[in-house]
């Protein structure tokens, strides 16, 4: 994962959030074609407040995904 975030960091945060009764969404790229900033399997954890851990590539697509994830969480 980029930006120094490891999969274990995301999974540890999921465990912490669950223990505290907080909701989050785990976003995973399941298919990527052509030139993409992130590969299949890239993950990003979106919290209810819109903060994230990890990235699926940034840009407008990531912003849309965060917005939709927050809607689903609430």
PDB file of N, CA and C in Angstrom:
ATOM      1  N   UNK A   1       0.843  -1.180   0.000  1.00  0.00           N
ATOM      2  CA  UNK A   1       0.000   0.000   0.000  1.00  0.00           C
ATOM      3  C   UNK A   1       0.886   1.241   0.000  1.00  0.00           C
ATOM      4  N   UNK A   2       0.388   2.290  -0.562  1.00  0.00           N
ATOM      5  CA  UNK A   2       1.177   3.515  -0.609  1.00  0.00           C
ATOM      6  C   UNK A   2       0.967   4.358   0.640  1.00  0.00           C
ATOM      7  N   UNK A   3       1.701   5.442   0.696  1.00  0.00           N
ATOM      8  CA  UNK A   3       1.624   6.403   1.796  1.00  0.00           C
ATOM      9  C   UNK A   3       1.960   5.781   3.142  1.00  0.00           C
ATOM     10  N   UNK A   4       2.748   4.715   3.126  1.00  0.00           N
ATOM     11  CA  UNK A   4       3.196   4.118   4.372  1.00  0.00           C
ATOM     12  C   UNK A   4       2.151   3.302   5.113  1.00  0.00           C
ATOM     13  N   UNK A   5       0.985   3.098   4.522  1.00  0.00           N
ATOM     14  CA  UNK A   5      -0.082   2.331   5.170  1.00  0.00           C
ATOM     15  C   UNK A   5       0.049   0.866   4.758  1.00  0.00           C
ATOM     16  N   UNK A   6       0.038  -0.013   5.726  1.00  0.00           N
ATOM     17  CA  UNK A   6       0.096  -1.451   5.474  1.00  0.00           C
ATOM     18  C   UNK A   6      -1.288  -2.057   5.693  1.00  0.00           C
ATOM     19  N   UNK A   7      -1.515  -3.216   5.108  1.00  0.00           N
ATOM     20  CA  UNK A   7      -2.800  -3.904   5.299  1.00  0.00           C
ATOM     21  C   UNK A   7      -3.068  -4.144   6.777  1.00  0.00           C
ATOM     22  N   UNK A   8      -2.027  -4.462   7.530  1.00  0.00           N
ATOM     23  CA  UNK A   8      -2.237  -4.706   8.963  1.00  0.00           C
ATOM     24  C   UNK A   8      -2.737  -3.450   9.665  1.00  0.00           C
ATOM     25  N   UNK A   9      -2.314  -2.266   9.199  1.00  0.00           N
ATOM     26  CA  UNK A   9      -2.813  -1.014   9.782  1.00  0.00           C
ATOM     27  C   UNK A   9      -4.319  -0.891   9.582  1.00  0.00           C
ATOM     28  N   UNK A  10      -4.780  -1.211   8.385  1.00  0.00           N
ATOM     29  CA  UNK A  10      -6.214  -1.133   8.094  1.00  0.00           C
ATOM     30  C   UNK A  10      -6.969  -2.147   8.939  1.00  0.00           C
ATOM     31  N   UNK A  11      -6.479  -3.371   8.997  1.00  0.00           N
ATOM     32  CA  UNK A  11      -7.180  -4.399   9.769  1.00  0.00           C
ATOM     33  C   UNK A  11      -7.180  -4.084  11.263  1.00  0.00           C
ATOM     34  N   UNK A  12      -6.092  -3.540  11.774  1.00  0.00           N
ATOM     35  CA  UNK A  12      -6.057  -3.147  13.188  1.00  0.00           C
ATOM     36  C   UNK A  12      -7.056  -2.029  13.465  1.00  0.00           C
ATOM     37  N   UNK A  13      -7.197  -1.105  12.532  1.00  0.00           N
ATOM     38  CA  UNK A  13      -8.163  -0.017  12.698  1.00  0.00           C
ATOM     39  C   UNK A  13      -9.592  -0.556  12.655  1.00  0.00           C
ATOM     40  N   UNK A  14      -9.853  -1.541  11.808  1.00  0.00           N
ATOM     41  CA  UNK A  14     -11.182  -2.167  11.767  1.00  0.00           C
ATOM     42  C   UNK A  14     -11.496  -2.795  13.119  1.00  0.00           C
ATOM     43  N   UNK A  15     -10.546  -3.509  13.689  1.00  0.00           N
ATOM     44  CA  UNK A  15     -10.738  -4.134  15.005  1.00  0.00           C
ATOM     45  C   UNK A  15     -11.014  -3.072  16.061  1.00  0.00           C
ATOM     46  N   UNK A  16     -10.246  -1.974  16.031  1.00  0.00           N
ATOM     47  CA  UNK A  16     -10.434  -0.896  17.005  1.00  0.00           C
ATOM     48  C   UNK A  16     -11.816  -0.256  16.862  1.00  0.00           C
ATOM     49  N   UNK A  17     -12.204   0.048  15.635  1.00  0.00           N
ATOM     50  CA  UNK A  17     -13.507   0.666  15.400  1.00  0.00           C
ATOM     51  C   UNK A  17     -14.639  -0.252  15.854  1.00  0.00           C
ATOM     52  N   UNK A  18     -14.517  -1.528  15.536  1.00  0.00           N
ATOM     53  CA  UNK A  18     -15.549  -2.485  15.939  1.00  0.00           C
ATOM     54  C   UNK A  18     -15.654  -2.555  17.455  1.00  0.00           C
ATOM     55  N   UNK A  19     -14.529  -2.575  18.145  1.00  0.00           N
ATOM     56  CA  UNK A  19     -14.524  -2.634  19.611  1.00  0.00           C
ATOM     57  C   UNK A  19     -15.184  -1.401  20.219  1.00  0.00           C
ATOM     58  N   UNK A  20     -15.074  -0.264  19.525  1.00  0.00           N
ATOM     59  CA  UNK A  20     -15.667   0.975  20.015  1.00  0.00           C
ATOM     60  C   UNK A  20     -17.081   1.197  19.491  1.00  0.00           C
ATOM     61  N   UNK A  21     -17.596   0.239  18.722  1.00  0.00           N
ATOM     62  CA  UNK A  21     -18.953   0.340  18.201  1.00  0.00           C
ATOM     63  C   UNK A  21     -19.110   1.350  17.078  1.00  0.00           C
ATOM     64  N   UNK A  22     -18.015   1.669  16.402  1.00  0.00           N
ATOM     65  CA  UNK A  22     -18.060   2.642  15.312  1.00  0.00           C
ATOM     66  C   UNK A  22     -18.151   1.921  13.968  1.00  0.00           C
ATOM     67  N   UNK A  23     -18.865   2.539  13.041  1.00  0.00           N
ATOM     68  CA  UNK A  23     -19.038   1.960  11.713  1.00  0.00           C
ATOM     69  C   UNK A  23     -17.981   2.486  10.750  1.00  0.00           C
ATOM     70  N   UNK A  24     -17.691   1.683   9.745  1.00  0.00           N
ATOM     71  CA  UNK A  24     -16.757   2.074   8.688  1.00  0.00           C
ATOM     72  C   UNK A  24     -17.057   1.215   7.467  1.00  0.00           C
ATOM     73  N   UNK A  25     -16.506   1.622   6.336  1.00  0.00           N
ATOM     74  CA  UNK A  25     -16.649   0.851   5.102  1.00  0.00           C
ATOM     75  C   UNK A  25     -15.259   0.518   4.580  1.00  0.00           C
ATOM     76  N   UNK A  26     -15.074  -0.717   4.176  1.00  0.00           N
ATOM     77  CA  UNK A  26     -13.812  -1.143   3.578  1.00  0.00           C
ATOM     78  C   UNK A  26     -14.010  -1.196   2.066  1.00  0.00           C
ATOM     79  N   UNK A  27     -13.288  -0.349   1.355  1.00  0.00           N
ATOM     80  CA  UNK A  27     -13.383  -0.251  -0.098  1.00  0.00           C
ATOM     81  C   UNK A  27     -12.231  -1.046  -0.702  1.00  0.00           C
ATOM     82  N   UNK A  28     -12.546  -1.879  -1.696  1.00  0.00           N
ATOM     83  CA  UNK A  28     -11.523  -2.694  -2.346  1.00  0.00           C
ATOM     84  C   UNK A  28     -11.671  -2.598  -3.857  1.00  0.00           C
ATOM     85  N   UNK A  29     -10.580  -2.368  -4.558  1.00  0.00           N
ATOM     86  CA  UNK A  29     -10.605  -2.406  -6.020  1.00  0.00           C
ATOM     87  C   UNK A  29     -10.625  -3.873  -6.429  1.00  0.00           C
ATOM     88  N   UNK A  30     -11.684  -4.268  -7.116  1.00  0.00           N
ATOM     89  CA  UNK A  30     -11.809  -5.669  -7.520  1.00  0.00           C
ATOM     90  C   UNK A  30     -11.431  -5.888  -8.981  1.00  0.00           C
ATOM     91  N   UNK A  31     -11.397  -4.822  -9.766  1.00  0.00           N
ATOM     92  CA  UNK A  31     -11.009  -4.946 -11.164  1.00  0.00           C
ATOM     93  C   UNK A  31     -10.431  -3.614 -11.630  1.00  0.00           C
ATOM     94  N   UNK A  32      -9.346  -3.678 -12.359  1.00  0.00           N
ATOM     95  CA  UNK A  32      -8.727  -2.471 -12.905  1.00  0.00           C
ATOM     96  C   UNK A  32      -8.214  -2.779 -14.302  1.00  0.00           C
ATOM     97  N   UNK A  33      -8.486  -1.879 -15.236  1.00  0.00           N
ATOM     98  CA  UNK A  33      -7.999  -2.062 -16.599  1.00  0.00           C
ATOM     99  C   UNK A  33      -7.270  -0.808 -17.048  1.00  0.00           C
ATOM    100  N   UNK A  34      -6.348  -0.976 -17.939  1.00  0.00           N
ATOM    101  CA  UNK A  34      -5.607   0.160 -18.463  1.00  0.00           C
ATOM    102  C   UNK A  34      -4.666   0.746 -17.428  1.00  0.00           C
ATOM    103  N   UNK A  35      -4.340   1.996 -17.630  1.00  0.00           N
ATOM    104  CA  UNK A  35      -3.429   2.699 -16.738  1.00  0.00           C
ATOM    105  C   UNK A  35      -4.204   3.224 -15.535  1.00  0.00           C
ATOM    106  N   UNK A  36      -3.962   2.646 -14.384  1.00  0.00           N
ATOM    107  CA  UNK A  36      -4.664   3.049 -13.164  1.00  0.00           C
ATOM    108  C   UNK A  36      -3.642   3.342 -12.072  1.00  0.00           C
ATOM    109  N   UNK A  37      -3.992   4.269 -11.151  1.00  0.00           N
ATOM    110  CA  UNK A  37      -3.036   4.598 -10.090  1.00  0.00           C
ATOM    111  C   UNK A  37      -2.883   3.504  -9.034  1.00  0.00           C
ATOM    112  N   UNK A  38      -3.848   2.600  -8.937  1.00  0.00           N
ATOM    113  CA  UNK A  38      -3.784   1.520  -7.943  1.00  0.00           C
ATOM    114  C   UNK A  38      -4.161   0.202  -8.595  1.00  0.00           C
ATOM    115  N   UNK A  39      -3.639  -0.870  -8.034  1.00  0.00           N
ATOM    116  CA  UNK A  39      -3.847  -2.202  -8.582  1.00  0.00           C
ATOM    117  C   UNK A  39      -5.071  -2.872  -7.947  1.00  0.00           C
ATOM    118  N   UNK A  40      -5.500  -3.970  -8.575  1.00  0.00           N
ATOM    119  CA  UNK A  40      -6.572  -4.769  -7.989  1.00  0.00           C
ATOM    120  C   UNK A  40      -6.163  -5.199  -6.590  1.00  0.00           C
ATOM    121  N   UNK A  41      -7.109  -5.153  -5.668  1.00  0.00           N
ATOM    122  CA  UNK A  41      -6.836  -5.530  -4.289  1.00  0.00           C
ATOM    123  C   UNK A  41      -6.495  -4.351  -3.393  1.00  0.00           C
ATOM    124  N   UNK A  42      -6.253  -3.167  -3.978  1.00  0.00           N
ATOM    125  CA  UNK A  42      -5.969  -1.981  -3.160  1.00  0.00           C
ATOM    126  C   UNK A  42      -7.164  -1.700  -2.254  1.00  0.00           C
ATOM    127  N   UNK A  43      -6.893  -1.302  -1.017  1.00  0.00           N
ATOM    128  CA  UNK A  43      -7.955  -1.102  -0.036  1.00  0.00           C
ATOM    129  C   UNK A  43      -7.875   0.280   0.593  1.00  0.00           C
ATOM    130  N   UNK A  44      -9.055   0.763   1.009  1.00  0.00           N
ATOM    131  CA  UNK A  44      -9.162   2.034   1.712  1.00  0.00           C
ATOM    132  C   UNK A  44     -10.285   1.886   2.737  1.00  0.00           C
ATOM    133  N   UNK A  45     -10.016   2.265   3.967  1.00  0.00           N
ATOM    134  CA  UNK A  45     -11.025   2.241   5.019  1.00  0.00           C
ATOM    135  C   UNK A  45     -11.609   3.639   5.133  1.00  0.00           C
ATOM    136  N   UNK A  46     -12.932   3.735   5.048  1.00  0.00           N
ATOM    137  CA  UNK A  46     -13.627   5.018   5.162  1.00  0.00           C
ATOM    138  C   UNK A  46     -14.413   5.010   6.460  1.00  0.00           C
ATOM    139  N   UNK A  47     -14.173   6.015   7.295  1.00  0.00           N
ATOM    140  CA  UNK A  47     -14.882   6.138   8.569  1.00  0.00           C
ATOM    141  C   UNK A  47     -16.115   7.017   8.389  1.00  0.00           C
ATOM    142  N   UNK A  48     -17.012   6.984   9.349  1.00  0.00           N
ATOM    143  CA  UNK A  48     -18.278   7.714   9.263  1.00  0.00           C
ATOM    144  C   UNK A  48     -18.086   9.211   9.070  1.00  0.00           C
ATOM    145  N   UNK A  49     -16.981   9.749   9.561  1.00  0.00           N
ATOM    146  CA  UNK A  49     -16.731  11.190   9.423  1.00  0.00           C
ATOM    147  C   UNK A  49     -16.063  11.539   8.093  1.00  0.00           C
ATOM    148  N   UNK A  50     -15.849  10.534   7.235  1.00  0.00           N
ATOM    149  CA  UNK A  50     -15.239  10.763   5.930  1.00  0.00           C
ATOM    150  C   UNK A  50     -13.729  10.661   5.919  1.00  0.00           C
ATOM    151  N   UNK A  51     -13.125  10.475   7.080  1.00  0.00           N
ATOM    152  CA  UNK A  51     -11.674  10.296   7.104  1.00  0.00           C
ATOM    153  C   UNK A  51     -11.338   8.908   6.570  1.00  0.00           C
ATOM    154  N   UNK A  52     -10.135   8.774   6.040  1.00  0.00           N
ATOM    155  CA  UNK A  52      -9.747   7.517   5.402  1.00  0.00           C
ATOM    156  C   UNK A  52      -8.409   7.019   5.919  1.00  0.00           C
ATOM    157  N   UNK A  53      -8.210   5.733   5.711  1.00  0.00           N
ATOM    158  CA  UNK A  53      -6.926   5.091   5.963  1.00  0.00           C
ATOM    159  C   UNK A  53      -6.639   4.275   4.715  1.00  0.00           C
ATOM    160  N   UNK A  54      -5.540   4.564   4.042  1.00  0.00           N
ATOM    161  CA  UNK A  54      -5.242   3.923   2.774  1.00  0.00           C
ATOM    162  C   UNK A  54      -5.764   4.766   1.623  1.00  0.00           C
ATOM    163  N   UNK A  55      -5.649   4.233   0.415  1.00  0.00           N
ATOM    164  CA  UNK A  55      -6.103   4.960  -0.773  1.00  0.00           C
ATOM    165  C   UNK A  55      -6.430   3.975  -1.883  1.00  0.00           C
ATOM    166  N   UNK A  56      -7.345   4.381  -2.747  1.00  0.00           N
ATOM    167  CA  UNK A  56      -7.606   3.608  -3.959  1.00  0.00           C
ATOM    168  C   UNK A  56      -7.129   4.384  -5.182  1.00  0.00           C
ATOM    169  N   UNK A  57      -6.337   5.420  -4.957  1.00  0.00           N
ATOM    170  CA  UNK A  57      -5.724   6.129  -6.067  1.00  0.00           C
ATOM    171  C   UNK A  57      -5.899   7.631  -6.076  1.00  0.00           C
ATOM    172  N   UNK A  58      -6.741   8.149  -5.218  1.00  0.00           N
ATOM    173  CA  UNK A  58      -6.929   9.597  -5.161  1.00  0.00           C
ATOM    174  C   UNK A  58      -7.830  10.110  -6.268  1.00  0.00           C
ATOM    175  N   UNK A  59      -7.840  11.398  -6.422  1.00  0.00           N
ATOM    176  CA  UNK A  59      -8.607  12.018  -7.492  1.00  0.00           C
ATOM    177  C   UNK A  59     -10.105  11.997  -7.279  1.00  0.00           C
ATOM    178  N   UNK A  60     -10.811  12.300  -8.367  1.00  0.00           N
ATOM    179  CA  UNK A  60     -12.267  12.432  -8.279  1.00  0.00           C
ATOM    180  C   UNK A  60     -12.960  11.103  -7.994  1.00  0.00           C
ATOM    181  N   UNK A  61     -12.429   9.997  -8.513  1.00  0.00           N
ATOM    182  CA  UNK A  61     -13.051   8.697  -8.236  1.00  0.00           C
ATOM    183  C   UNK A  61     -12.994   8.388  -6.745  1.00  0.00           C
ATOM    184  N   UNK A  62     -11.839   8.599  -6.130  1.00  0.00           N
ATOM    185  CA  UNK A  62     -11.722   8.335  -4.698  1.00  0.00           C
ATOM    186  C   UNK A  62     -12.673   9.235  -3.914  1.00  0.00           C
ATOM    187  N   UNK A  63     -12.784  10.498  -4.305  1.00  0.00           N
ATOM    188  CA  UNK A  63     -13.698  11.422  -3.622  1.00  0.00           C
ATOM    189  C   UNK A  63     -15.140  10.935  -3.724  1.00  0.00           C
ATOM    190  N   UNK A  64     -15.546  10.443  -4.895  1.00  0.00           N
ATOM    191  CA  UNK A  64     -16.903   9.912  -5.075  1.00  0.00           C
ATOM    192  C   UNK A  64     -17.125   8.673  -4.212  1.00  0.00           C
ATOM    193  N   UNK A  65     -16.134   7.812  -4.174  1.00  0.00           N
ATOM    194  CA  UNK A  65     -16.247   6.586  -3.381  1.00  0.00           C
ATOM    195  C   UNK A  65     -16.373   6.924  -1.897  1.00  0.00           C
ATOM    196  N   UNK A  66     -15.592   7.881  -1.421  1.00  0.00           N
ATOM    197  CA  UNK A  66     -15.681   8.295  -0.016  1.00  0.00           C
ATOM    198  C   UNK A  66     -17.075   8.827   0.283  1.00  0.00           C
ATOM    199  N   UNK A  67     -17.590   9.680  -0.605  1.00  0.00           N
ATOM    200  CA  UNK A  67     -18.932  10.245  -0.421  1.00  0.00           C
ATOM    201  C   UNK A  67     -19.989   9.147  -0.340  1.00  0.00           C
ATOM    202  N   UNK A  68     -19.928   8.183  -1.242  1.00  0.00           N
ATOM    203  CA  UNK A  68     -20.900   7.082  -1.237  1.00  0.00           C
ATOM    204  C   UNK A  68     -20.733   6.195  -0.008  1.00  0.00           C
ATOM    205  N   UNK A  69     -19.499   5.939   0.386  1.00  0.00           N
ATOM    206  CA  UNK A  69     -19.253   5.104   1.565  1.00  0.00           C
ATOM    207  C   UNK A  69     -19.834   5.748   2.817  1.00  0.00           C
ATOM    208  N   UNK A  70     -19.666   7.052   2.959  1.00  0.00           N
ATOM    209  CA  UNK A  70     -20.214   7.752   4.127  1.00  0.00           C
ATOM    210  C   UNK A  70     -21.738   7.639   4.138  1.00  0.00           C
ATOM    211  N   UNK A  71     -22.375   7.740   2.963  1.00  0.00           N
ATOM    212  CA  UNK A  71     -23.836   7.580   2.882  1.00  0.00           C
ATOM    213  C   UNK A  71     -24.250   6.190   3.354  1.00  0.00           C
ATOM    214  N   UNK A  72     -23.517   5.181   2.924  1.00  0.00           N
ATOM    215  CA  UNK A  72     -23.833   3.797   3.297  1.00  0.00           C
ATOM    216  C   UNK A  72     -23.644   3.580   4.794  1.00  0.00           C
ATOM    217  N   UNK A  73     -22.588   4.155   5.352  1.00  0.00           N
ATOM    218  CA  UNK A  73     -22.305   3.988   6.779  1.00  0.00           C
ATOM    219  C   UNK A  73     -23.429   4.567   7.620  1.00  0.00           C
ATOM    220  N   UNK A  74     -23.908   5.731   7.230  1.00  0.00           N
ATOM    221  CA  UNK A  74     -24.942   6.413   8.012  1.00  0.00           C
ATOM    222  C   UNK A  74     -26.265   5.800   7.717  1.00  0.00           C
TER     223      UNK A  74
END
